[in-house]
Amino acid sequence: MTKKKKSSFKKYILGTLVILLCLVLGTGYYVYNLLNQVATGPIIDSNEELGIKEDNKTPKVTNIALFGLDRRNPNENSRSDSIMIATLDLNTKKIKLTSIMRDTYVNIPGRGMDKINHAYAFGGPQLALKTINENFDMNIRDYVMVDFFGLMDIVDDLGGIEIDIKDYEVSRAKVSGTGVQTLNGEQALAYSRIRYAGNGDYERTERQRVVLEQIMNKIMGAGAMQYPKMISKLLPHVETSLTKPEMLKLGTSAFTHGVRSIDQYRIPVDGYAKGQKMNGVYYLVPQDLAANVNFLHEYIYEKDGIEVKN
């Protein structure tokens, strides 16, 4: 696995949301009322509670944590199925998405060593932010959470997406046959989750990429006038600590600076983590956490020789 790599369906979904939000929010304040659909989840804004040791800021670089939850009951606690750091870098006119592998073995404050995606289930976004900040020497104060079940509405609203189905995927994807099939939202979600078929997780990642590409192609083909409609479908499934003025400011900044593309990265990087089982449970154990932190900071801030503080 490489340092930079196309990632999973849910990582791409978060990326898609970021792009659409920037495009829509940057077009004017008429979208202000749309943001009333977003649930607010304020957090305790103190360095100690957020695990921030040194609150240095790099001009024109904003980092926000993105959590993707896959929960059928909106009131249930859930592990974060996708964890990312979204970076709006106005210096380079890029949006950078850094995926933190959900099985990464880290110290969760007050809980001990565990998978990083358990932090959200243990203590919600507050503990998840603190875990990221303390383990990766970050100073992130805000988050966006997306419930992926809302994506079924997007696929249905687009009239479905076309996917080439293999014979061993038919029953799991809930379709009637092989070859190119038009999948509705429920089928697309089922298809993207297929894990124990074909080449396991590797092929699962490929399926997820294909699904997202088809969604993106349909959205882009629908034109900019449809972006607000897509956003209105997604927003009820979003929670954030950002205020409406803060969201508008971020979107406007991205739009006016011409930010349209996404760069992607992943932590831990190749060669600096090892998968292993402990008591029958699989973990991805960083072999050199400090090196991974340096790679992360070099990618986000594009500076060499970053000194790890924590």
C-alpha atoms as a PDB file:
ATOM      1  CA  MET A   1       0.000   0.000   0.000  1.00  0.00           C
ATOM      2  CA  THR A   2       1.331   3.445  -0.899  1.00  0.00           C
ATOM      3  CA  LYS A   3       1.384   6.717   0.987  1.00  0.00           C
ATOM      4  CA  LYS A   4      -0.949   8.341  -1.524  1.00  0.00           C
ATOM      5  CA  LYS A   5      -3.714   6.142  -2.787  1.00  0.00           C
ATOM      6  CA  LYS A   6      -7.294   6.265  -3.872  1.00  0.00           C
ATOM      7  CA  SER A   7      -9.197   5.412  -0.756  1.00  0.00           C
ATOM      8  CA  SER A   8     -12.501   3.896   0.228  1.00  0.00           C
ATOM      9  CA  PHE A   9     -16.026   4.802  -0.783  1.00  0.00           C
ATOM     10  CA  LYS A  10     -16.652   6.613   2.457  1.00  0.00           C
ATOM     11  CA  LYS A  11     -13.497   8.652   2.212  1.00  0.00           C
ATOM     12  CA  TYR A  12     -14.549   9.716  -1.265  1.00  0.00           C
ATOM     13  CA  ILE A  13     -18.037  10.524  -0.018  1.00  0.00           C
ATOM     14  CA  LEU A  14     -16.597  12.885   2.564  1.00  0.00           C
ATOM     15  CA  GLY A  15     -14.443  14.409  -0.145  1.00  0.00           C
ATOM     16  CA  THR A  16     -17.462  14.835  -2.381  1.00  0.00           C
ATOM     17  CA  LEU A  17     -19.323  16.564   0.428  1.00  0.00           C
ATOM     18  CA  VAL A  18     -16.413  18.962   0.927  1.00  0.00           C
ATOM     19  CA  ILE A  19     -16.313  19.879  -2.774  1.00  0.00           C
ATOM     20  CA  LEU A  20     -20.071  20.351  -3.030  1.00  0.00           C
ATOM     21  CA  LEU A  21     -20.199  22.440   0.131  1.00  0.00           C
ATOM     22  CA  CYS A  22     -17.421  24.686  -1.132  1.00  0.00           C
ATOM     23  CA  LEU A  23     -19.093  25.123  -4.509  1.00  0.00           C
ATOM     24  CA  VAL A  24     -22.512  25.839  -3.057  1.00  0.00           C
ATOM     25  CA  LEU A  25     -21.496  27.921  -0.057  1.00  0.00           C
ATOM     26  CA  GLY A  26     -19.281  30.036  -2.251  1.00  0.00           C
ATOM     27  CA  THR A  27     -22.126  31.083  -4.537  1.00  0.00           C
ATOM     28  CA  GLY A  28     -23.856  33.401  -2.081  1.00  0.00           C
ATOM     29  CA  TYR A  29     -25.722  33.858   1.152  1.00  0.00           C
ATOM     30  CA  TYR A  30     -28.973  32.494  -0.258  1.00  0.00           C
ATOM     31  CA  VAL A  31     -27.803  29.126   1.036  1.00  0.00           C
ATOM     32  CA  TYR A  32     -27.744  30.417   4.613  1.00  0.00           C
ATOM     33  CA  ASN A  33     -31.172  28.940   5.363  1.00  0.00           C
ATOM     34  CA  LEU A  34     -30.065  25.587   3.942  1.00  0.00           C
ATOM     35  CA  LEU A  35     -27.589  25.344   6.791  1.00  0.00           C
ATOM     36  CA  ASN A  36     -30.449  25.236   9.292  1.00  0.00           C
ATOM     37  CA  GLN A  37     -30.722  21.565   8.329  1.00  0.00           C
ATOM     38  CA  VAL A  38     -27.295  20.872   9.824  1.00  0.00           C
ATOM     39  CA  ALA A  39     -27.271  19.653  13.417  1.00  0.00           C
ATOM     40  CA  THR A  40     -24.878  21.538  15.665  1.00  0.00           C
ATOM     41  CA  GLY A  41     -22.682  19.706  18.115  1.00  0.00           C
ATOM     42  CA  PRO A  42     -20.716  22.211  20.185  1.00  0.00           C
ATOM     43  CA  ILE A  43     -17.642  20.924  21.968  1.00  0.00           C
ATOM     44  CA  ILE A  44     -15.624  22.165  24.924  1.00  0.00           C
ATOM     45  CA  ASP A  45     -13.231  24.616  23.354  1.00  0.00           C
ATOM     46  CA  SER A  46     -10.252  24.296  25.678  1.00  0.00           C
ATOM     47  CA  ASN A  47      -6.760  23.116  24.854  1.00  0.00           C
ATOM     48  CA  GLU A  48      -6.796  20.573  27.678  1.00  0.00           C
ATOM     49  CA  GLU A  49     -10.133  19.028  26.711  1.00  0.00           C
ATOM     50  CA  LEU A  50      -9.112  18.853  23.048  1.00  0.00           C
ATOM     51  CA  GLY A  51      -5.624  17.508  23.695  1.00  0.00           C
ATOM     52  CA  ILE A  52      -3.882  20.526  22.202  1.00  0.00           C
ATOM     53  CA  LYS A  53      -0.399  21.085  23.611  1.00  0.00           C
ATOM     54  CA  GLU A  54       0.653  23.997  21.431  1.00  0.00           C
ATOM     55  CA  ASP A  55      -1.905  26.050  19.512  1.00  0.00           C
ATOM     56  CA  ASN A  56       0.301  27.226  16.667  1.00  0.00           C
ATOM     57  CA  LYS A  57      -1.529  28.180  13.493  1.00  0.00           C
ATOM     58  CA  THR A  58      -0.227  28.279   9.941  1.00  0.00           C
ATOM     59  CA  PRO A  59      -1.659  31.214   7.960  1.00  0.00           C
ATOM     60  CA  LYS A  60      -4.344  30.251   5.430  1.00  0.00           C
ATOM     61  CA  VAL A  61      -4.363  26.589   6.504  1.00  0.00           C
ATOM     62  CA  THR A  62      -7.484  25.262   8.246  1.00  0.00           C
ATOM     63  CA  ASN A  63      -7.822  21.699   9.558  1.00  0.00           C
ATOM     64  CA  ILE A  64     -11.158  20.073  10.398  1.00  0.00           C
ATOM     65  CA  ALA A  65     -11.814  16.486  11.495  1.00  0.00           C
ATOM     66  CA  LEU A  66     -14.277  14.507   9.381  1.00  0.00           C
ATOM     67  CA  PHE A  67     -16.057  11.496  10.851  1.00  0.00           C
ATOM     68  CA  GLY A  68     -18.161   9.151   8.764  1.00  0.00           C
ATOM     69  CA  LEU A  69     -20.657   7.074  10.730  1.00  0.00           C
ATOM     70  CA  ASP A  70     -22.511   4.068   9.397  1.00  0.00           C
ATOM     71  CA  ARG A  71     -25.465   3.707  11.724  1.00  0.00           C
ATOM     72  CA  ARG A  72     -28.975   2.503  11.080  1.00  0.00           C
ATOM     73  CA  ASN A  73     -30.370   4.116  14.228  1.00  0.00           C
ATOM     74  CA  PRO A  74     -29.533   7.861  14.404  1.00  0.00           C
ATOM     75  CA  ASN A  75     -29.738   7.753  18.211  1.00  0.00           C
ATOM     76  CA  GLU A  76     -27.254   4.922  18.716  1.00  0.00           C
ATOM     77  CA  ASN A  77     -23.597   5.312  19.570  1.00  0.00           C
ATOM     78  CA  SER A  78     -21.379   4.284  16.703  1.00  0.00           C
ATOM     79  CA  ARG A  79     -17.726   3.839  15.938  1.00  0.00           C
ATOM     80  CA  SER A  80     -16.465   6.189  13.251  1.00  0.00           C
ATOM     81  CA  ASP A  81     -16.264   4.100  10.099  1.00  0.00           C
ATOM     82  CA  SER A  82     -14.160   6.755   8.400  1.00  0.00           C
ATOM     83  CA  ILE A  83     -11.774   9.242  10.027  1.00  0.00           C
ATOM     84  CA  MET A  84     -10.165  12.046   8.089  1.00  0.00           C
ATOM     85  CA  ILE A  85      -8.455  15.380   8.470  1.00  0.00           C
ATOM     86  CA  ALA A  86      -9.745  17.878   5.919  1.00  0.00           C
ATOM     87  CA  THR A  87      -7.286  20.661   5.195  1.00  0.00           C
ATOM     88  CA  LEU A  88      -8.246  23.837   3.364  1.00  0.00           C
ATOM     89  CA  ASP A  89      -4.919  25.229   2.163  1.00  0.00           C
ATOM     90  CA  LEU A  90      -5.401  28.626   0.554  1.00  0.00           C
ATOM     91  CA  ASN A  91      -1.645  28.960   0.050  1.00  0.00           C
ATOM     92  CA  THR A  92      -1.608  26.109  -2.464  1.00  0.00           C
ATOM     93  CA  LYS A  93      -5.313  26.363  -3.410  1.00  0.00           C
ATOM     94  CA  LYS A  94      -5.899  22.753  -2.422  1.00  0.00           C
ATOM     95  CA  ILE A  95      -8.218  20.723  -0.284  1.00  0.00           C
ATOM     96  CA  LYS A  96      -6.227  17.911   1.304  1.00  0.00           C
ATOM     97  CA  LEU A  97      -7.910  14.857   2.752  1.00  0.00           C
ATOM     98  CA  THR A  98      -5.855  12.689   5.077  1.00  0.00           C
ATOM     99  CA  SER A  99      -7.448   9.371   5.960  1.00  0.00           C
ATOM    100  CA  ILE A 100      -6.523   7.844   9.313  1.00  0.00           C
ATOM    101  CA  MET A 101      -6.929   4.087   9.065  1.00  0.00           C
ATOM    102  CA  ARG A 102      -9.714   3.083  11.420  1.00  0.00           C
ATOM    103  CA  ASP A 103      -7.846   0.059  12.841  1.00  0.00           C
ATOM    104  CA  THR A 104      -4.828   2.176  13.839  1.00  0.00           C
ATOM    105  CA  TYR A 105      -3.670   1.214  17.341  1.00  0.00           C
ATOM    106  CA  VAL A 106      -3.380   4.400  19.416  1.00  0.00           C
ATOM    107  CA  ASN A 107      -3.798   5.663  22.954  1.00  0.00           C
ATOM    108  CA  ILE A 108      -7.356   6.846  23.572  1.00  0.00           C
ATOM    109  CA  PRO A 109      -7.260   9.287  26.523  1.00  0.00           C
ATOM    110  CA  GLY A 110      -8.836   7.703  29.577  1.00  0.00           C
ATOM    111  CA  ARG A 111      -9.340   4.388  27.778  1.00  0.00           C
ATOM    112  CA  GLY A 112      -5.874   3.115  26.966  1.00  0.00           C
ATOM    113  CA  MET A 113      -4.638   1.499  23.770  1.00  0.00           C
ATOM    114  CA  ASP A 114      -7.332   0.645  21.234  1.00  0.00           C
ATOM    115  CA  LYS A 115      -8.450   1.155  17.647  1.00  0.00           C
ATOM    116  CA  ILE A 116      -8.749   4.849  16.868  1.00  0.00           C
ATOM    117  CA  ASN A 117     -12.284   4.462  15.528  1.00  0.00           C
ATOM    118  CA  HIS A 118     -13.461   3.388  19.003  1.00  0.00           C
ATOM    119  CA  ALA A 119     -12.820   6.895  20.350  1.00  0.00           C
ATOM    120  CA  TYR A 120     -16.007   8.262  18.793  1.00  0.00           C
ATOM    121  CA  ALA A 121     -18.114   5.490  20.334  1.00  0.00           C
ATOM    122  CA  PHE A 122     -16.490   6.005  23.749  1.00  0.00           C
ATOM    123  CA  GLY A 123     -16.801   9.786  23.917  1.00  0.00           C
ATOM    124  CA  GLY A 124     -18.275  11.239  20.758  1.00  0.00           C
ATOM    125  CA  PRO A 125     -16.515  13.918  18.705  1.00  0.00           C
ATOM    126  CA  GLN A 126     -14.911  15.474  21.788  1.00  0.00           C
ATOM    127  CA  LEU A 127     -12.877  12.356  22.602  1.00  0.00           C
ATOM    128  CA  ALA A 128     -12.280  11.594  18.934  1.00  0.00           C
ATOM    129  CA  LEU A 129     -10.747  15.044  18.426  1.00  0.00           C
ATOM    130  CA  LYS A 130      -8.624  14.703  21.551  1.00  0.00           C
ATOM    131  CA  THR A 131      -7.377  11.304  20.379  1.00  0.00           C
ATOM    132  CA  ILE A 132      -6.332  12.689  16.995  1.00  0.00           C
ATOM    133  CA  ASN A 133      -4.676  15.757  18.496  1.00  0.00           C
ATOM    134  CA  GLU A 134      -2.713  13.874  21.157  1.00  0.00           C
ATOM    135  CA  ASN A 135      -1.522  11.056  18.915  1.00  0.00           C
ATOM    136  CA  PHE A 136      -0.733  13.101  15.819  1.00  0.00           C
ATOM    137  CA  ASP A 137       0.351  16.410  17.356  1.00  0.00           C
ATOM    138  CA  MET A 138      -2.508  18.360  15.792  1.00  0.00           C
ATOM    139  CA  ASN A 139      -4.525  21.349  17.008  1.00  0.00           C
ATOM    140  CA  ILE A 140      -7.928  20.606  15.483  1.00  0.00           C
ATOM    141  CA  ARG A 141     -10.898  22.307  17.151  1.00  0.00           C
ATOM    142  CA  ASP A 142     -13.800  21.553  14.818  1.00  0.00           C
ATOM    143  CA  TYR A 143     -15.400  18.517  13.246  1.00  0.00           C
ATOM    144  CA  VAL A 144     -17.992  17.475  10.683  1.00  0.00           C
ATOM    145  CA  MET A 145     -19.853  14.173  11.057  1.00  0.00           C
ATOM    146  CA  VAL A 146     -21.687  12.527   8.164  1.00  0.00           C
ATOM    147  CA  ASP A 147     -24.137   9.638   8.495  1.00  0.00           C
ATOM    148  CA  PHE A 148     -23.624   7.586   5.341  1.00  0.00           C
ATOM    149  CA  PHE A 149     -27.155   6.243   5.266  1.00  0.00           C
ATOM    150  CA  GLY A 150     -28.140   9.598   3.771  1.00  0.00           C
ATOM    151  CA  LEU A 151     -26.223   8.698   0.632  1.00  0.00           C
ATOM    152  CA  MET A 152     -28.937   6.298  -0.436  1.00  0.00           C
ATOM    153  CA  ASP A 153     -31.169   9.319  -1.027  1.00  0.00           C
ATOM    154  CA  ILE A 154     -28.541  10.876  -3.289  1.00  0.00           C
ATOM    155  CA  VAL A 155     -28.269   7.781  -5.486  1.00  0.00           C
ATOM    156  CA  ASP A 156     -32.052   7.481  -5.703  1.00  0.00           C
ATOM    157  CA  ASP A 157     -32.393  11.167  -6.546  1.00  0.00           C
ATOM    158  CA  LEU A 158     -29.871  10.718  -9.358  1.00  0.00           C
ATOM    159  CA  GLY A 159     -31.972   7.918 -10.819  1.00  0.00           C
ATOM    160  CA  GLY A 160     -29.512   5.212  -9.803  1.00  0.00           C
ATOM    161  CA  ILE A 161     -25.982   4.433 -10.956  1.00  0.00           C
ATOM    162  CA  GLU A 162     -24.702   1.866 -13.444  1.00  0.00           C
ATOM    163  CA  ILE A 163     -22.358  -0.825 -12.109  1.00  0.00           C
ATOM    164  CA  ASP A 164     -20.872  -3.890 -13.826  1.00  0.00           C
ATOM    165  CA  ILE A 165     -21.836  -6.767 -11.511  1.00  0.00           C
ATOM    166  CA  LYS A 166     -19.815 -10.008 -11.274  1.00  0.00           C
ATOM    167  CA  ASP A 167     -21.443 -13.368 -10.590  1.00  0.00           C
ATOM    168  CA  TYR A 168     -20.250 -13.575  -6.973  1.00  0.00           C
ATOM    169  CA  GLU A 169     -21.632 -10.090  -6.262  1.00  0.00           C
ATOM    170  CA  VAL A 170     -25.224 -10.657  -7.411  1.00  0.00           C
ATOM    171  CA  SER A 171     -26.822 -11.824  -4.165  1.00  0.00           C
ATOM    172  CA  ARG A 172     -24.813  -9.499  -1.939  1.00  0.00           C
ATOM    173  CA  ALA A 173     -25.641  -6.458  -4.060  1.00  0.00           C
ATOM    174  CA  LYS A 174     -29.305  -7.477  -4.103  1.00  0.00           C
ATOM    175  CA  VAL A 175     -29.551  -7.383  -7.901  1.00  0.00           C
ATOM    176  CA  SER A 176     -31.088  -9.854 -10.342  1.00  0.00           C
ATOM    177  CA  GLY A 177     -28.181 -10.609 -12.645  1.00  0.00           C
ATOM    178  CA  THR A 178     -24.634 -10.013 -13.836  1.00  0.00           C
ATOM    179  CA  GLY A 179     -23.328  -7.369 -16.218  1.00  0.00           C
ATOM    180  CA  VAL A 180     -24.178  -3.676 -16.187  1.00  0.00           C
ATOM    181  CA  GLN A 181     -27.031  -3.056 -13.748  1.00  0.00           C
ATOM    182  CA  THR A 182     -28.691   0.151 -12.584  1.00  0.00           C
ATOM    183  CA  LEU A 183     -28.418   0.178  -8.794  1.00  0.00           C
ATOM    184  CA  ASN A 184     -30.681   2.176  -6.524  1.00  0.00           C
ATOM    185  CA  GLY A 185     -29.467   3.692  -3.263  1.00  0.00           C
ATOM    186  CA  GLU A 186     -29.962   0.594  -1.149  1.00  0.00           C
ATOM    187  CA  GLN A 187     -28.268  -1.634  -3.723  1.00  0.00           C
ATOM    188  CA  ALA A 188     -25.333   0.767  -4.144  1.00  0.00           C
ATOM    189  CA  LEU A 189     -24.759   0.780  -0.397  1.00  0.00           C
ATOM    190  CA  ALA A 190     -24.958  -3.026  -0.249  1.00  0.00           C
ATOM    191  CA  TYR A 191     -22.569  -3.337  -3.205  1.00  0.00           C
ATOM    192  CA  SER A 192     -20.025  -0.994  -1.623  1.00  0.00           C
ATOM    193  CA  ARG A 193     -20.050  -3.046   1.589  1.00  0.00           C
ATOM    194  CA  ILE A 194     -19.277  -6.419  -0.022  1.00  0.00           C
ATOM    195  CA  ARG A 195     -16.233  -7.687   1.835  1.00  0.00           C
ATOM    196  CA  TYR A 196     -16.053 -11.466   1.883  1.00  0.00           C
ATOM    197  CA  ALA A 197     -16.084 -12.055  -1.871  1.00  0.00           C
ATOM    198  CA  GLY A 198     -13.495 -11.852  -4.605  1.00  0.00           C
ATOM    199  CA  ASN A 199     -10.227 -10.391  -3.403  1.00  0.00           C
ATOM    200  CA  GLY A 200     -11.508  -9.346   0.004  1.00  0.00           C
ATOM    201  CA  ASP A 201     -10.834  -5.811   1.200  1.00  0.00           C
ATOM    202  CA  TYR A 202      -8.762  -4.917  -1.861  1.00  0.00           C
ATOM    203  CA  GLU A 203     -11.671  -5.561  -4.212  1.00  0.00           C
ATOM    204  CA  ARG A 204     -14.047  -3.955  -1.741  1.00  0.00           C
ATOM    205  CA  THR A 205     -12.038  -0.741  -2.005  1.00  0.00           C
ATOM    206  CA  GLU A 206     -12.247  -0.942  -5.790  1.00  0.00           C
ATOM    207  CA  ARG A 207     -16.036  -1.358  -5.619  1.00  0.00           C
ATOM    208  CA  GLN A 208     -16.319   1.646  -3.372  1.00  0.00           C
ATOM    209  CA  ARG A 209     -14.210   3.734  -5.736  1.00  0.00           C
ATOM    210  CA  VAL A 210     -16.372   2.714  -8.701  1.00  0.00           C
ATOM    211  CA  VAL A 211     -19.571   3.627  -6.842  1.00  0.00           C
ATOM    212  CA  LEU A 212     -18.242   7.049  -5.943  1.00  0.00           C
ATOM    213  CA  GLU A 213     -16.997   7.691  -9.469  1.00  0.00           C
ATOM    214  CA  GLN A 214     -20.456   6.904 -10.818  1.00  0.00           C
ATOM    215  CA  ILE A 215     -22.057   9.239  -8.277  1.00  0.00           C
ATOM    216  CA  MET A 216     -19.608  12.022  -9.124  1.00  0.00           C
ATOM    217  CA  ASN A 217     -20.137  11.553 -12.867  1.00  0.00           C
ATOM    218  CA  LYS A 218     -23.895  11.848 -12.428  1.00  0.00           C
ATOM    219  CA  ILE A 219     -23.628  14.902 -10.188  1.00  0.00           C
ATOM    220  CA  MET A 220     -21.214  16.692 -12.498  1.00  0.00           C
ATOM    221  CA  GLY A 221     -23.393  15.781 -15.461  1.00  0.00           C
ATOM    222  CA  ALA A 222     -26.421  17.259 -13.719  1.00  0.00           C
ATOM    223  CA  GLY A 223     -24.740  20.685 -13.640  1.00  0.00           C
ATOM    224  CA  ALA A 224     -24.098  23.346 -11.017  1.00  0.00           C
ATOM    225  CA  MET A 225     -27.788  24.187 -10.704  1.00  0.00           C
ATOM    226  CA  GLN A 226     -28.310  20.784  -9.082  1.00  0.00           C
ATOM    227  CA  TYR A 227     -25.624  21.258  -6.406  1.00  0.00           C
ATOM    228  CA  PRO A 228     -27.981  22.956  -3.912  1.00  0.00           C
ATOM    229  CA  LYS A 229     -30.421  20.073  -4.317  1.00  0.00           C
ATOM    230  CA  MET A 230     -27.667  17.542  -3.626  1.00  0.00           C
ATOM    231  CA  ILE A 231     -26.525  19.499  -0.594  1.00  0.00           C
ATOM    232  CA  SER A 232     -30.080  19.747   0.744  1.00  0.00           C
ATOM    233  CA  LYS A 233     -30.244  15.945   0.610  1.00  0.00           C
ATOM    234  CA  LEU A 234     -26.978  15.533   2.503  1.00  0.00           C
ATOM    235  CA  LEU A 235     -27.291  18.244   5.144  1.00  0.00           C
ATOM    236  CA  PRO A 236     -29.901  16.481   7.319  1.00  0.00           C
ATOM    237  CA  HIS A 237     -27.321  13.724   7.778  1.00  0.00           C
ATOM    238  CA  VAL A 238     -24.560  16.135   8.854  1.00  0.00           C
ATOM    239  CA  GLU A 239     -23.529  17.361  12.305  1.00  0.00           C
ATOM    240  CA  THR A 240     -20.795  19.911  12.959  1.00  0.00           C
ATOM    241  CA  SER A 241     -19.268  22.135  15.606  1.00  0.00           C
ATOM    242  CA  LEU A 242     -18.914  24.906  13.019  1.00  0.00           C
ATOM    243  CA  THR A 243     -21.331  27.820  13.135  1.00  0.00           C
ATOM    244  CA  LYS A 244     -23.176  28.948  10.020  1.00  0.00           C
ATOM    245  CA  PRO A 245     -20.943  32.030   9.615  1.00  0.00           C
ATOM    246  CA  GLU A 246     -17.868  29.800   9.924  1.00  0.00           C
ATOM    247  CA  MET A 247     -19.190  27.394   7.289  1.00  0.00           C
ATOM    248  CA  LEU A 248     -19.988  30.254   4.933  1.00  0.00           C
ATOM    249  CA  LYS A 249     -16.563  31.775   5.477  1.00  0.00           C
ATOM    250  CA  LEU A 250     -14.819  28.487   4.669  1.00  0.00           C
ATOM    251  CA  GLY A 251     -16.941  27.910   1.587  1.00  0.00           C
ATOM    252  CA  THR A 252     -16.503  31.460   0.346  1.00  0.00           C
ATOM    253  CA  SER A 253     -12.736  31.310   0.890  1.00  0.00           C
ATOM    254  CA  ALA A 254     -12.455  28.063  -1.058  1.00  0.00           C
ATOM    255  CA  PHE A 255     -14.629  29.413  -3.869  1.00  0.00           C
ATOM    256  CA  THR A 256     -12.921  32.803  -4.221  1.00  0.00           C
ATOM    257  CA  HIS A 257      -9.448  31.245  -4.131  1.00  0.00           C
ATOM    258  CA  GLY A 258     -10.342  28.824  -6.910  1.00  0.00           C
ATOM    259  CA  VAL A 259     -10.078  25.667  -4.803  1.00  0.00           C
ATOM    260  CA  ARG A 260     -11.715  22.829  -6.755  1.00  0.00           C
ATOM    261  CA  SER A 261      -9.405  19.806  -6.473  1.00  0.00           C
ATOM    262  CA  ILE A 262      -8.664  17.307  -3.724  1.00  0.00           C
ATOM    263  CA  ASP A 263      -5.330  15.752  -2.797  1.00  0.00           C
ATOM    264  CA  GLN A 264      -5.391  12.570  -0.741  1.00  0.00           C
ATOM    265  CA  TYR A 265      -3.104  10.955   1.779  1.00  0.00           C
ATOM    266  CA  ARG A 266      -3.228   8.175   4.321  1.00  0.00           C
ATOM    267  CA  ILE A 267      -1.846   7.553   7.792  1.00  0.00           C
ATOM    268  CA  PRO A 268      -0.085   5.298   8.770  1.00  0.00           C
ATOM    269  CA  VAL A 269       2.072   5.297   5.655  1.00  0.00           C
ATOM    270  CA  ASP A 270       3.488   2.257   3.910  1.00  0.00           C
ATOM    271  CA  GLY A 271       6.324   0.627   5.813  1.00  0.00           C
ATOM    272  CA  TYR A 272       5.559   2.397   9.081  1.00  0.00           C
ATOM    273  CA  ALA A 273       2.777   0.167  10.415  1.00  0.00           C
ATOM    274  CA  LYS A 274       2.131  -3.533  10.741  1.00  0.00           C
ATOM    275  CA  GLY A 275      -1.124  -5.441  10.936  1.00  0.00           C
ATOM    276  CA  GLN A 276      -1.298  -7.911  13.797  1.00  0.00           C
ATOM    277  CA  LYS A 277      -3.814  -9.700  15.980  1.00  0.00           C
ATOM    278  CA  MET A 278      -4.058  -9.267  19.739  1.00  0.00           C
ATOM    279  CA  ASN A 279      -6.453 -11.563  21.568  1.00  0.00           C
ATOM    280  CA  GLY A 280      -8.017 -12.424  18.240  1.00  0.00           C
ATOM    281  CA  VAL A 281      -8.622  -8.794  17.223  1.00  0.00           C
ATOM    282  CA  TYR A 282      -6.884  -7.186  14.234  1.00  0.00           C
ATOM    283  CA  TYR A 283      -5.016  -3.914  14.778  1.00  0.00           C
ATOM    284  CA  LEU A 284      -2.854  -1.742  12.551  1.00  0.00           C
ATOM    285  CA  VAL A 285       0.096  -0.947  14.794  1.00  0.00           C
ATOM    286  CA  PRO A 286       2.323   2.038  13.899  1.00  0.00           C
ATOM    287  CA  GLN A 287       5.947   0.872  14.016  1.00  0.00           C
ATOM    288  CA  ASP A 288       7.181   4.455  14.302  1.00  0.00           C
ATOM    289  CA  LEU A 289       4.462   6.882  15.372  1.00  0.00           C
ATOM    290  CA  ALA A 290       6.804   9.895  15.367  1.00  0.00           C
ATOM    291  CA  ALA A 291       7.729   9.220  11.739  1.00  0.00           C
ATOM    292  CA  ASN A 292       4.055   8.974  10.804  1.00  0.00           C
ATOM    293  CA  VAL A 293       3.386  12.279  12.555  1.00  0.00           C
ATOM    294  CA  ASN A 294       6.232  13.888  10.611  1.00  0.00           C
ATOM    295  CA  PHE A 295       4.869  12.539   7.321  1.00  0.00           C
ATOM    296  CA  LEU A 296       1.448  13.910   8.204  1.00  0.00           C
ATOM    297  CA  HIS A 297       2.723  17.382   9.060  1.00  0.00           C
ATOM    298  CA  GLU A 298       4.946  17.538   6.001  1.00  0.00           C
ATOM    299  CA  TYR A 299       1.954  16.688   3.825  1.00  0.00           C
ATOM    300  CA  ILE A 300      -0.481  19.114   5.441  1.00  0.00           C
ATOM    301  CA  TYR A 301       1.864  22.057   5.902  1.00  0.00           C
ATOM    302  CA  GLU A 302       4.305  21.219   3.092  1.00  0.00           C
ATOM    303  CA  LYS A 303       7.294  21.826   5.318  1.00  0.00           C
ATOM    304  CA  ASP A 304      10.242  19.517   5.857  1.00  0.00           C
ATOM    305  CA  GLY A 305      11.813  18.745   9.206  1.00  0.00           C
ATOM    306  CA  ILE A 306       8.711  19.162  11.360  1.00  0.00           C
ATOM    307  CA  GLU A 307       9.484  18.684  15.048  1.00  0.00           C
ATOM    308  CA  VAL A 308       7.029  16.443  16.867  1.00  0.00           C
ATOM    309  CA  LYS A 309       5.874  18.236  20.024  1.00  0.00           C
ATOM    310  CA  ASN A 310       3.715  15.677  21.826  1.00  0.00           C
END
